[in-house]
Amino acid sequence: MTTKFINLTPHTLNIQDQGGNMYEIVSSGYARAAETRTQLDPEGPFAVSTVCYGAVTGLPDPAENTAYIVSALTAQTLECQARNDIFVPGPLIRDESGKPIGCIGLSRI
C-alpha cells in the first residue's frame, strides 16, 4: 500500500527521495502547537519571557496509510510524540546562495 503524505506546514515542501527525485507537496493546512508566554524581568534593553508549547491544533486524527508532515516544533509536543504518523522535513538542501530549496527525505522526532 502507498502512504499518502499530508503537508501541514505553511509552506510547499520539495522533498528529495532516495533516488534523487524531487517531490513537491503543497500545504494542506497548518498544524501548530499553542504558545504561552510569561514576561520576566528585562535583561538589559531586551524583554525576556519564558515560552511553553501546549496542545496542537490543525492535526487530524490518525488515518490508515496517511502520514502528516509538521514543523519540528509541533512534532516535539507530547501529543505528536505519541503518534507514529508524524514526520518533519529531513536535512535541508540549499542553493548556491544558501537559500533552502528542499529537503532530503523525512525525519521522525
PDB file of N, CA and C in Angstrom:
ATOM      1  N   MET A   1       0.826  -1.186   0.000  1.00  0.00           N
ATOM      2  CA  MET A   1       0.000   0.000   0.000  1.00  0.00           C
ATOM      3  C   MET A   1       0.870   1.249   0.000  1.00  0.00           C
ATOM      4  N   THR A   2       0.383   2.268  -0.631  1.00  0.00           N
ATOM      5  CA  THR A   2       1.105   3.523  -0.719  1.00  0.00           C
ATOM      6  C   THR A   2       0.666   4.450   0.404  1.00  0.00           C
ATOM      7  N   THR A   3       1.635   5.110   1.027  1.00  0.00           N
ATOM      8  CA  THR A   3       1.338   6.070   2.081  1.00  0.00           C
ATOM      9  C   THR A   3       1.040   7.419   1.445  1.00  0.00           C
ATOM     10  N   LYS A   4      -0.009   8.055   1.907  1.00  0.00           N
ATOM     11  CA  LYS A   4      -0.367   9.406   1.478  1.00  0.00           C
ATOM     12  C   LYS A   4       0.283  10.384   2.450  1.00  0.00           C
ATOM     13  N   PHE A   5       1.034  11.353   1.945  1.00  0.00           N
ATOM     14  CA  PHE A   5       1.696  12.338   2.786  1.00  0.00           C
ATOM     15  C   PHE A   5       0.935  13.653   2.724  1.00  0.00           C
ATOM     16  N   ILE A   6       0.553  14.157   3.891  1.00  0.00           N
ATOM     17  CA  ILE A   6      -0.193  15.415   4.011  1.00  0.00           C
ATOM     18  C   ILE A   6       0.739  16.450   4.635  1.00  0.00           C
ATOM     19  N   ASN A   7       0.951  17.563   3.940  1.00  0.00           N
ATOM     20  CA  ASN A   7       1.820  18.635   4.400  1.00  0.00           C
ATOM     21  C   ASN A   7       1.004  19.602   5.253  1.00  0.00           C
ATOM     22  N   LEU A   8       1.281  19.629   6.555  1.00  0.00           N
ATOM     23  CA  LEU A   8       0.600  20.538   7.471  1.00  0.00           C
ATOM     24  C   LEU A   8       1.526  21.640   7.960  1.00  0.00           C
ATOM     25  N   THR A   9       2.512  22.020   7.124  1.00  0.00           N
ATOM     26  CA  THR A   9       3.337  23.196   7.376  1.00  0.00           C
ATOM     27  C   THR A   9       2.767  24.327   6.519  1.00  0.00           C
ATOM     28  N   PRO A  10       3.133  25.569   6.789  1.00  0.00           N
ATOM     29  CA  PRO A  10       2.581  26.667   5.975  1.00  0.00           C
ATOM     30  C   PRO A  10       3.269  26.832   4.617  1.00  0.00           C
ATOM     31  N   HIS A  11       4.210  25.951   4.273  1.00  0.00           N
ATOM     32  CA  HIS A  11       4.995  26.104   3.049  1.00  0.00           C
ATOM     33  C   HIS A  11       4.856  24.880   2.148  1.00  0.00           C
ATOM     34  N   THR A  12       4.996  25.081   0.850  1.00  0.00           N
ATOM     35  CA  THR A  12       5.146  23.956  -0.060  1.00  0.00           C
ATOM     36  C   THR A  12       6.494  23.310   0.224  1.00  0.00           C
ATOM     37  N   LEU A  13       6.531  21.990   0.282  1.00  0.00           N
ATOM     38  CA  LEU A  13       7.773  21.271   0.558  1.00  0.00           C
ATOM     39  C   LEU A  13       8.277  20.592  -0.699  1.00  0.00           C
ATOM     40  N   ASN A  14       9.581  20.664  -0.942  1.00  0.00           N
ATOM     41  CA  ASN A  14      10.252  19.931  -2.008  1.00  0.00           C
ATOM     42  C   ASN A  14      11.098  18.865  -1.324  1.00  0.00           C
ATOM     43  N   ILE A  15      10.689  17.608  -1.491  1.00  0.00           N
ATOM     44  CA  ILE A  15      11.332  16.515  -0.770  1.00  0.00           C
ATOM     45  C   ILE A  15      12.020  15.588  -1.756  1.00  0.00           C
ATOM     46  N   GLN A  16      13.321  15.374  -1.522  1.00  0.00           N
ATOM     47  CA  GLN A  16      14.114  14.501  -2.390  1.00  0.00           C
ATOM     48  C   GLN A  16      14.013  13.063  -1.893  1.00  0.00           C
ATOM     49  N   ASP A  17      13.707  12.141  -2.826  1.00  0.00           N
ATOM     50  CA  ASP A  17      13.629  10.732  -2.442  1.00  0.00           C
ATOM     51  C   ASP A  17      15.003  10.075  -2.513  1.00  0.00           C
ATOM     52  N   GLN A  18      15.056   8.790  -2.231  1.00  0.00           N
ATOM     53  CA  GLN A  18      16.331   8.075  -2.179  1.00  0.00           C
ATOM     54  C   GLN A  18      17.013   7.982  -3.541  1.00  0.00           C
ATOM     55  N   GLY A  19      16.252   8.155  -4.614  1.00  0.00           N
ATOM     56  CA  GLY A  19      16.822   8.108  -5.958  1.00  0.00           C
ATOM     57  C   GLY A  19      17.217   9.466  -6.501  1.00  0.00           C
ATOM     58  N   GLY A  20      17.039  10.521  -5.690  1.00  0.00           N
ATOM     59  CA  GLY A  20      17.407  11.868  -6.118  1.00  0.00           C
ATOM     60  C   GLY A  20      16.269  12.632  -6.783  1.00  0.00           C
ATOM     61  N   ASN A  21      15.095  12.027  -6.902  1.00  0.00           N
ATOM     62  CA  ASN A  21      13.935  12.703  -7.490  1.00  0.00           C
ATOM     63  C   ASN A  21      13.316  13.644  -6.467  1.00  0.00           C
ATOM     64  N   MET A  22      12.812  14.779  -6.942  1.00  0.00           N
ATOM     65  CA  MET A  22      12.163  15.758  -6.064  1.00  0.00           C
ATOM     66  C   MET A  22      10.652  15.647  -6.200  1.00  0.00           C
ATOM     67  N   TYR A  23       9.983  15.711  -5.058  1.00  0.00           N
ATOM     68  CA  TYR A  23       8.526  15.700  -5.000  1.00  0.00           C
ATOM     69  C   TYR A  23       8.060  16.975  -4.326  1.00  0.00           C
ATOM     70  N   GLU A  24       7.135  17.659  -4.953  1.00  0.00           N
ATOM     71  CA  GLU A  24       6.564  18.876  -4.381  1.00  0.00           C
ATOM     72  C   GLU A  24       5.262  18.507  -3.681  1.00  0.00           C
ATOM     73  N   ILE A  25       5.170  18.852  -2.403  1.00  0.00           N
ATOM     74  CA  ILE A  25       3.954  18.584  -1.632  1.00  0.00           C
ATOM     75  C   ILE A  25       3.443  19.928  -1.111  1.00  0.00           C
ATOM     76  N   VAL A  26       2.330  20.377  -1.661  1.00  0.00           N
ATOM     77  CA  VAL A  26       1.776  21.672  -1.262  1.00  0.00           C
ATOM     78  C   VAL A  26       1.150  21.571   0.122  1.00  0.00           C
ATOM     79  N   SER A  27       1.041  22.702   0.787  1.00  0.00           N
ATOM     80  CA  SER A  27       0.439  22.759   2.112  1.00  0.00           C
ATOM     81  C   SER A  27      -1.047  22.445   2.011  1.00  0.00           C
ATOM     82  N   SER A  28      -1.516  21.629   2.958  1.00  0.00           N
ATOM     83  CA  SER A  28      -2.937  21.266   3.007  1.00  0.00           C
ATOM     84  C   SER A  28      -3.570  21.714   4.317  1.00  0.00           C
ATOM     85  N   GLY A  29      -2.978  22.680   4.957  1.00  0.00           N
ATOM     86  CA  GLY A  29      -3.447  23.153   6.253  1.00  0.00           C
ATOM     87  C   GLY A  29      -2.248  23.494   7.108  1.00  0.00           C
ATOM     88  N   TYR A  30      -2.502  23.705   8.394  1.00  0.00           N
ATOM     89  CA  TYR A  30      -1.418  24.132   9.266  1.00  0.00           C
ATOM     90  C   TYR A  30      -1.649  23.579  10.664  1.00  0.00           C
ATOM     91  N   ALA A  31      -0.812  22.650  11.079  1.00  0.00           N
ATOM     92  CA  ALA A  31      -0.840  22.137  12.444  1.00  0.00           C
ATOM     93  C   ALA A  31       0.180  22.931  13.252  1.00  0.00           C
ATOM     94  N   ARG A  32      -0.223  23.365  14.423  1.00  0.00           N
ATOM     95  CA  ARG A  32       0.706  24.130  15.252  1.00  0.00           C
ATOM     96  C   ARG A  32       0.432  23.904  16.723  1.00  0.00           C
ATOM     97  N   ALA A  33       1.477  24.088  17.509  1.00  0.00           N
ATOM     98  CA  ALA A  33       1.369  23.960  18.963  1.00  0.00           C
ATOM     99  C   ALA A  33       1.002  25.310  19.556  1.00  0.00           C
ATOM    100  N   ALA A  34       0.057  25.312  20.496  1.00  0.00           N
ATOM    101  CA  ALA A  34      -0.314  26.546  21.189  1.00  0.00           C
ATOM    102  C   ALA A  34       0.896  27.069  21.953  1.00  0.00           C
ATOM    103  N   GLU A  35       1.018  28.378  22.010  1.00  0.00           N
ATOM    104  CA  GLU A  35       2.163  29.011  22.673  1.00  0.00           C
ATOM    105  C   GLU A  35       1.675  29.899  23.805  1.00  0.00           C
ATOM    106  N   THR A  36       2.289  29.740  24.981  1.00  0.00           N
ATOM    107  CA  THR A  36       2.003  30.600  26.124  1.00  0.00           C
ATOM    108  C   THR A  36       3.308  31.252  26.553  1.00  0.00           C
ATOM    109  N   ARG A  37       3.284  32.578  26.696  1.00  0.00           N
ATOM    110  CA  ARG A  37       4.482  33.315  27.109  1.00  0.00           C
ATOM    111  C   ARG A  37       4.230  34.022  28.433  1.00  0.00           C
ATOM    112  N   THR A  38       5.258  34.033  29.285  1.00  0.00           N
ATOM    113  CA  THR A  38       5.218  34.741  30.562  1.00  0.00           C
ATOM    114  C   THR A  38       6.389  35.712  30.580  1.00  0.00           C
ATOM    115  N   GLN A  39       6.082  36.978  30.783  1.00  0.00           N
ATOM    116  CA  GLN A  39       7.129  38.003  30.814  1.00  0.00           C
ATOM    117  C   GLN A  39       7.967  37.881  32.080  1.00  0.00           C
ATOM    118  N   LEU A  40       9.275  37.997  31.937  1.00  0.00           N
ATOM    119  CA  LEU A  40      10.223  38.009  33.051  1.00  0.00           C
ATOM    120  C   LEU A  40      10.834  39.390  33.161  1.00  0.00           C
ATOM    121  N   ASP A  41      11.695  39.565  34.143  1.00  0.00           N
ATOM    122  CA  ASP A  41      12.393  40.839  34.258  1.00  0.00           C
ATOM    123  C   ASP A  41      13.282  41.034  33.035  1.00  0.00           C
ATOM    124  N   PRO A  42      13.382  42.262  32.541  1.00  0.00           N
ATOM    125  CA  PRO A  42      14.227  42.504  31.361  1.00  0.00           C
ATOM    126  C   PRO A  42      15.696  42.218  31.651  1.00  0.00           C
ATOM    127  N   GLU A  43      16.402  41.847  30.623  1.00  0.00           N
ATOM    128  CA  GLU A  43      17.857  41.658  30.687  1.00  0.00           C
ATOM    129  C   GLU A  43      18.460  42.786  29.860  1.00  0.00           C
ATOM    130  N   GLY A  44      18.898  43.832  30.539  1.00  0.00           N
ATOM    131  CA  GLY A  44      19.392  44.998  29.818  1.00  0.00           C
ATOM    132  C   GLY A  44      18.246  45.600  29.029  1.00  0.00           C
ATOM    133  N   PRO A  45      18.473  45.955  27.779  1.00  0.00           N
ATOM    134  CA  PRO A  45      17.421  46.609  26.995  1.00  0.00           C
ATOM    135  C   PRO A  45      16.402  45.631  26.390  1.00  0.00           C
ATOM    136  N   PHE A  46      16.565  44.332  26.643  1.00  0.00           N
ATOM    137  CA  PHE A  46      15.719  43.346  25.960  1.00  0.00           C
ATOM    138  C   PHE A  46      14.644  42.774  26.872  1.00  0.00           C
ATOM    139  N   ALA A  47      13.436  42.662  26.335  1.00  0.00           N
ATOM    140  CA  ALA A  47      12.368  41.964  27.041  1.00  0.00           C
ATOM    141  C   ALA A  47      12.709  40.481  27.038  1.00  0.00           C
ATOM    142  N   VAL A  48      12.376  39.800  28.125  1.00  0.00           N
ATOM    143  CA  VAL A  48      12.651  38.370  28.246  1.00  0.00           C
ATOM    144  C   VAL A  48      11.365  37.683  28.690  1.00  0.00           C
ATOM    145  N   SER A  49      11.094  36.544  28.102  1.00  0.00           N
ATOM    146  CA  SER A  49       9.917  35.780  28.505  1.00  0.00           C
ATOM    147  C   SER A  49      10.244  34.295  28.473  1.00  0.00           C
ATOM    148  N   THR A  50       9.445  33.522  29.196  1.00  0.00           N
ATOM    149  CA  THR A  50       9.526  32.070  29.069  1.00  0.00           C
ATOM    150  C   THR A  50       8.422  31.666  28.107  1.00  0.00           C
ATOM    151  N   VAL A  51       8.649  30.575  27.409  1.00  0.00           N
ATOM    152  CA  VAL A  51       7.643  30.098  26.460  1.00  0.00           C
ATOM    153  C   VAL A  51       7.346  28.637  26.751  1.00  0.00           C
ATOM    154  N   CYS A  52       6.088  28.290  26.646  1.00  0.00           N
ATOM    155  CA  CYS A  52       5.648  26.915  26.845  1.00  0.00           C
ATOM    156  C   CYS A  52       4.732  26.556  25.680  1.00  0.00           C
ATOM    157  N   TYR A  53       4.946  25.378  25.099  1.00  0.00           N
ATOM    158  CA  TYR A  53       4.116  24.928  23.985  1.00  0.00           C
ATOM    159  C   TYR A  53       3.185  23.842  24.468  1.00  0.00           C
ATOM    160  N   GLY A  54       1.935  23.929  24.044  1.00  0.00           N
ATOM    161  CA  GLY A  54       0.923  23.008  24.542  1.00  0.00           C
ATOM    162  C   GLY A  54       0.176  22.292  23.445  1.00  0.00           C
ATOM    163  N   ALA A  55      -1.122  22.264  23.560  1.00  0.00           N
ATOM    164  CA  ALA A  55      -1.991  21.492  22.666  1.00  0.00           C
ATOM    165  C   ALA A  55      -1.772  21.862  21.200  1.00  0.00           C
ATOM    166  N   VAL A  56      -1.880  20.850  20.359  1.00  0.00           N
ATOM    167  CA  VAL A  56      -1.704  21.042  18.916  1.00  0.00           C
ATOM    168  C   VAL A  56      -3.072  21.241  18.270  1.00  0.00           C
ATOM    169  N   THR A  57      -3.176  22.252  17.414  1.00  0.00           N
ATOM    170  CA  THR A  57      -4.392  22.473  16.641  1.00  0.00           C
ATOM    171  C   THR A  57      -4.095  22.191  15.173  1.00  0.00           C
ATOM    172  N   GLY A  58      -5.111  21.823  14.430  1.00  0.00           N
ATOM    173  CA  GLY A  58      -4.959  21.607  12.999  1.00  0.00           C
ATOM    174  C   GLY A  58      -4.423  20.242  12.608  1.00  0.00           C
ATOM    175  N   LEU A  59      -4.282  19.328  13.560  1.00  0.00           N
ATOM    176  CA  LEU A  59      -3.755  17.995  13.276  1.00  0.00           C
ATOM    177  C   LEU A  59      -4.903  16.990  13.254  1.00  0.00           C
ATOM    178  N   PRO A  60      -5.155  16.377  12.102  1.00  0.00           N
ATOM    179  CA  PRO A  60      -6.239  15.388  12.028  1.00  0.00           C
ATOM    180  C   PRO A  60      -5.922  14.152  12.860  1.00  0.00           C
ATOM    181  N   ASP A  61      -6.948  13.398  13.158  1.00  0.00           N
ATOM    182  CA  ASP A  61      -6.769  12.104  13.811  1.00  0.00           C
ATOM    183  C   ASP A  61      -6.016  11.184  12.858  1.00  0.00           C
ATOM    184  N   PRO A  62      -5.357  10.164  13.397  1.00  0.00           N
ATOM    185  CA  PRO A  62      -4.666   9.214  12.510  1.00  0.00           C
ATOM    186  C   PRO A  62      -5.636   8.604  11.498  1.00  0.00           C
ATOM    187  N   ALA A  63      -5.116   8.380  10.300  1.00  0.00           N
ATOM    188  CA  ALA A  63      -5.894   7.746   9.239  1.00  0.00           C
ATOM    189  C   ALA A  63      -5.028   6.664   8.597  1.00  0.00           C
ATOM    190  N   GLU A  64      -5.630   5.597   8.168  1.00  0.00           N
ATOM    191  CA  GLU A  64      -4.904   4.477   7.581  1.00  0.00           C
ATOM    192  C   GLU A  64      -4.112   4.924   6.350  1.00  0.00           C
ATOM    193  N   ASN A  65      -2.848   4.493   6.278  1.00  0.00           N
ATOM    194  CA  ASN A  65      -1.950   4.778   5.155  1.00  0.00           C
ATOM    195  C   ASN A  65      -1.749   6.271   4.912  1.00  0.00           C
ATOM    196  N   THR A  66      -1.793   7.061   5.979  1.00  0.00           N
ATOM    197  CA  THR A  66      -1.619   8.515   5.868  1.00  0.00           C
ATOM    198  C   THR A  66      -0.558   8.965   6.860  1.00  0.00           C
ATOM    199  N   ALA A  67       0.353   9.806   6.389  1.00  0.00           N
ATOM    200  CA  ALA A  67       1.398  10.395   7.231  1.00  0.00           C
ATOM    201  C   ALA A  67       1.269  11.908   7.156  1.00  0.00           C
ATOM    202  N   TYR A  68       1.533  12.571   8.260  1.00  0.00           N
ATOM    203  CA  TYR A  68       1.416  14.024   8.340  1.00  0.00           C
ATOM    204  C   TYR A  68       2.793  14.636   8.542  1.00  0.00           C
ATOM    205  N   ILE A  69       3.092  15.674   7.756  1.00  0.00           N
ATOM    206  CA  ILE A  69       4.364  16.390   7.865  1.00  0.00           C
ATOM    207  C   ILE A  69       4.068  17.710   8.573  1.00  0.00           C
ATOM    208  N   VAL A  70       4.756  17.946   9.698  1.00  0.00           N
ATOM    209  CA  VAL A  70       4.545  19.147  10.504  1.00  0.00           C
ATOM    210  C   VAL A  70       5.897  19.795  10.795  1.00  0.00           C
ATOM    211  N   SER A  71       5.870  20.964  11.410  1.00  0.00           N
ATOM    212  CA  SER A  71       7.124  21.613  11.807  1.00  0.00           C
ATOM    213  C   SER A  71       7.781  20.830  12.933  1.00  0.00           C
ATOM    214  N   ALA A  72       9.080  21.011  13.082  1.00  0.00           N
ATOM    215  CA  ALA A  72       9.809  20.328  14.157  1.00  0.00           C
ATOM    216  C   ALA A  72       9.274  20.735  15.521  1.00  0.00           C
ATOM    217  N   LEU A  73       8.947  22.002  15.706  1.00  0.00           N
ATOM    218  CA  LEU A  73       8.427  22.455  16.983  1.00  0.00           C
ATOM    219  C   LEU A  73       7.110  21.750  17.307  1.00  0.00           C
ATOM    220  N   THR A  74       6.228  21.647  16.336  1.00  0.00           N
ATOM    221  CA  THR A  74       4.957  20.953  16.550  1.00  0.00           C
ATOM    222  C   THR A  74       5.197  19.482  16.853  1.00  0.00           C
ATOM    223  N   ALA A  75       6.110  18.846  16.122  1.00  0.00           N
ATOM    224  CA  ALA A  75       6.384  17.423  16.317  1.00  0.00           C
ATOM    225  C   ALA A  75       6.962  17.129  17.693  1.00  0.00           C
ATOM    226  N   GLN A  76       7.574  18.103  18.335  1.00  0.00           N
ATOM    227  CA  GLN A  76       8.191  17.893  19.636  1.00  0.00           C
ATOM    228  C   GLN A  76       7.187  17.891  20.780  1.00  0.00           C
ATOM    229  N   THR A  77       5.925  18.219  20.524  1.00  0.00           N
ATOM    230  CA  THR A  77       4.938  18.186  21.596  1.00  0.00           C
ATOM    231  C   THR A  77       4.653  16.736  21.977  1.00  0.00           C
ATOM    232  N   LEU A  78       4.248  16.546  23.201  1.00  0.00           N
ATOM    233  CA  LEU A  78       3.949  15.194  23.676  1.00  0.00           C
ATOM    234  C   LEU A  78       2.837  14.549  22.864  1.00  0.00           C
ATOM    235  N   GLU A  79       1.875  15.357  22.441  1.00  0.00           N
ATOM    236  CA  GLU A  79       0.755  14.840  21.646  1.00  0.00           C
ATOM    237  C   GLU A  79       1.257  14.186  20.356  1.00  0.00           C
ATOM    238  N   CYS A  80       2.215  14.818  19.688  1.00  0.00           N
ATOM    239  CA  CYS A  80       2.736  14.282  18.432  1.00  0.00           C
ATOM    240  C   CYS A  80       3.725  13.149  18.657  1.00  0.00           C
ATOM    241  N   GLN A  81       4.482  13.210  19.756  1.00  0.00           N
ATOM    242  CA  GLN A  81       5.458  12.157  20.026  1.00  0.00           C
ATOM    243  C   GLN A  81       4.798  10.808  20.265  1.00  0.00           C
ATOM    244  N   ALA A  82       3.539  10.822  20.652  1.00  0.00           N
ATOM    245  CA  ALA A  82       2.820   9.576  20.924  1.00  0.00           C
ATOM    246  C   ALA A  82       2.284   8.929  19.642  1.00  0.00           C
ATOM    247  N   ARG A  83       2.517   9.569  18.493  1.00  0.00           N
ATOM    248  CA  ARG A  83       1.984   9.056  17.228  1.00  0.00           C
ATOM    249  C   ARG A  83       3.121   8.666  16.292  1.00  0.00           C
ATOM    250  N   ASN A  84       2.921   7.595  15.528  1.00  0.00           N
ATOM    251  CA  ASN A  84       3.958   7.166  14.582  1.00  0.00           C
ATOM    252  C   ASN A  84       3.665   7.617  13.149  1.00  0.00           C
ATOM    253  N   ASP A  85       2.695   8.496  12.969  1.00  0.00           N
ATOM    254  CA  ASP A  85       2.348   9.006  11.641  1.00  0.00           C
ATOM    255  C   ASP A  85       2.770  10.460  11.453  1.00  0.00           C
ATOM    256  N   ILE A  86       3.610  10.975  12.348  1.00  0.00           N
ATOM    257  CA  ILE A  86       4.044  12.373  12.315  1.00  0.00           C
ATOM    258  C   ILE A  86       5.506  12.441  11.877  1.00  0.00           C
ATOM    259  N   PHE A  87       5.775  13.268  10.864  1.00  0.00           N
ATOM    260  CA  PHE A  87       7.124  13.450  10.324  1.00  0.00           C
ATOM    261  C   PHE A  87       7.446  14.929  10.205  1.00  0.00           C
ATOM    262  N   VAL A  88       8.731  15.233  10.111  1.00  0.00           N
ATOM    263  CA  VAL A  88       9.216  16.587   9.851  1.00  0.00           C
ATOM    264  C   VAL A  88      10.118  16.526   8.622  1.00  0.00           C
ATOM    265  N   PRO A  89      10.313  17.671   7.948  1.00  0.00           N
ATOM    266  CA  PRO A  89      11.233  17.664   6.810  1.00  0.00           C
ATOM    267  C   PRO A  89      12.629  17.203   7.234  1.00  0.00           C
ATOM    268  N   GLY A  90      13.305  16.469   6.356  1.00  0.00           N
ATOM    269  CA  GLY A  90      14.655  15.991   6.604  1.00  0.00           C
ATOM    270  C   GLY A  90      15.680  17.107   6.442  1.00  0.00           C
ATOM    271  N   PRO A  91      16.964  16.746   6.365  1.00  0.00           N
ATOM    272  CA  PRO A  91      18.025  17.753   6.237  1.00  0.00           C
ATOM    273  C   PRO A  91      17.788  18.659   5.032  1.00  0.00           C
ATOM    274  N   LEU A  92      18.068  19.942   5.228  1.00  0.00           N
ATOM    275  CA  LEU A  92      17.830  20.930   4.170  1.00  0.00           C
ATOM    276  C   LEU A  92      18.779  20.770   2.991  1.00  0.00           C
ATOM    277  N   ILE A  93      18.263  21.082   1.830  1.00  0.00           N
ATOM    278  CA  ILE A  93      19.060  21.239   0.618  1.00  0.00           C
ATOM    279  C   ILE A  93      19.056  22.734   0.323  1.00  0.00           C
ATOM    280  N   ARG A  94      20.236  23.313   0.144  1.00  0.00           N
ATOM    281  CA  ARG A  94      20.350  24.759  -0.111  1.00  0.00           C
ATOM    282  C   ARG A  94      20.934  25.021  -1.494  1.00  0.00           C
ATOM    283  N   ASP A  95      20.537  26.144  -2.085  1.00  0.00           N
ATOM    284  CA  ASP A  95      21.128  26.533  -3.360  1.00  0.00           C
ATOM    285  C   ASP A  95      22.485  27.183  -3.104  1.00  0.00           C
ATOM    286  N   GLU A  96      23.135  27.642  -4.156  1.00  0.00           N
ATOM    287  CA  GLU A  96      24.483  28.198  -4.030  1.00  0.00           C
ATOM    288  C   GLU A  96      24.548  29.460  -3.181  1.00  0.00           C
ATOM    289  N   SER A  97      23.410  30.152  -2.995  1.00  0.00           N
ATOM    290  CA  SER A  97      23.396  31.351  -2.150  1.00  0.00           C
ATOM    291  C   SER A  97      23.011  31.030  -0.701  1.00  0.00           C
ATOM    292  N   GLY A  98      22.733  29.747  -0.407  1.00  0.00           N
ATOM    293  CA  GLY A  98      22.390  29.343   0.947  1.00  0.00           C
ATOM    294  C   GLY A  98      20.903  29.289   1.226  1.00  0.00           C
ATOM    295  N   LYS A  99      20.083  29.631   0.231  1.00  0.00           N
ATOM    296  CA  LYS A  99      18.624  29.629   0.409  1.00  0.00           C
ATOM    297  C   LYS A  99      18.117  28.176   0.394  1.00  0.00           C
ATOM    298  N   PRO A 100      17.280  27.792   1.384  1.00  0.00           N
ATOM    299  CA  PRO A 100      16.710  26.444   1.380  1.00  0.00           C
ATOM    300  C   PRO A 100      15.810  26.245   0.157  1.00  0.00           C
ATOM    301  N   ILE A 101      16.013  25.129  -0.546  1.00  0.00           N
ATOM    302  CA  ILE A 101      15.195  24.835  -1.730  1.00  0.00           C
ATOM    303  C   ILE A 101      14.505  23.485  -1.623  1.00  0.00           C
ATOM    304  N   GLY A 102      14.761  22.763  -0.563  1.00  0.00           N
ATOM    305  CA  GLY A 102      14.138  21.458  -0.386  1.00  0.00           C
ATOM    306  C   GLY A 102      14.755  20.745   0.795  1.00  0.00           C
ATOM    307  N   CYS A 103      14.410  19.461   0.903  1.00  0.00           N
ATOM    308  CA  CYS A 103      14.965  18.644   1.976  1.00  0.00           C
ATOM    309  C   CYS A 103      15.193  17.232   1.477  1.00  0.00           C
ATOM    310  N   ILE A 104      16.035  16.521   2.192  1.00  0.00           N
ATOM    311  CA  ILE A 104      16.331  15.125   1.853  1.00  0.00           C
ATOM    312  C   ILE A 104      15.455  14.244   2.738  1.00  0.00           C
ATOM    313  N   GLY A 105      14.437  13.668   2.155  1.00  0.00           N
ATOM    314  CA  GLY A 105      13.577  12.756   2.895  1.00  0.00           C
ATOM    315  C   GLY A 105      12.851  13.403   4.049  1.00  0.00           C
ATOM    316  N   LEU A 106      12.419  12.565   4.955  1.00  0.00           N
ATOM    317  CA  LEU A 106      11.685  12.988   6.133  1.00  0.00           C
ATOM    318  C   LEU A 106      12.380  12.472   7.388  1.00  0.00           C
ATOM    319  N   SER A 107      12.056  13.075   8.525  1.00  0.00           N
ATOM    320  CA  SER A 107      12.596  12.642   9.808  1.00  0.00           C
ATOM    321  C   SER A 107      11.440  12.441  10.780  1.00  0.00           C
ATOM    322  N   ARG A 108      11.702  11.658  11.794  1.00  0.00           N
ATOM    323  CA  ARG A 108      10.730  11.473  12.868  1.00  0.00           C
ATOM    324  C   ARG A 108      11.412  11.886  14.162  1.00  0.00           C
ATOM    325  N   ILE A 109      10.685  12.642  14.971  1.00  0.00           N
ATOM    326  CA  ILE A 109      11.231  13.101  16.259  1.00  0.00           C
ATOM    327  C   ILE A 109      10.776  12.147  17.339  1.00  0.00           C
TER     328      ILE A 109
END
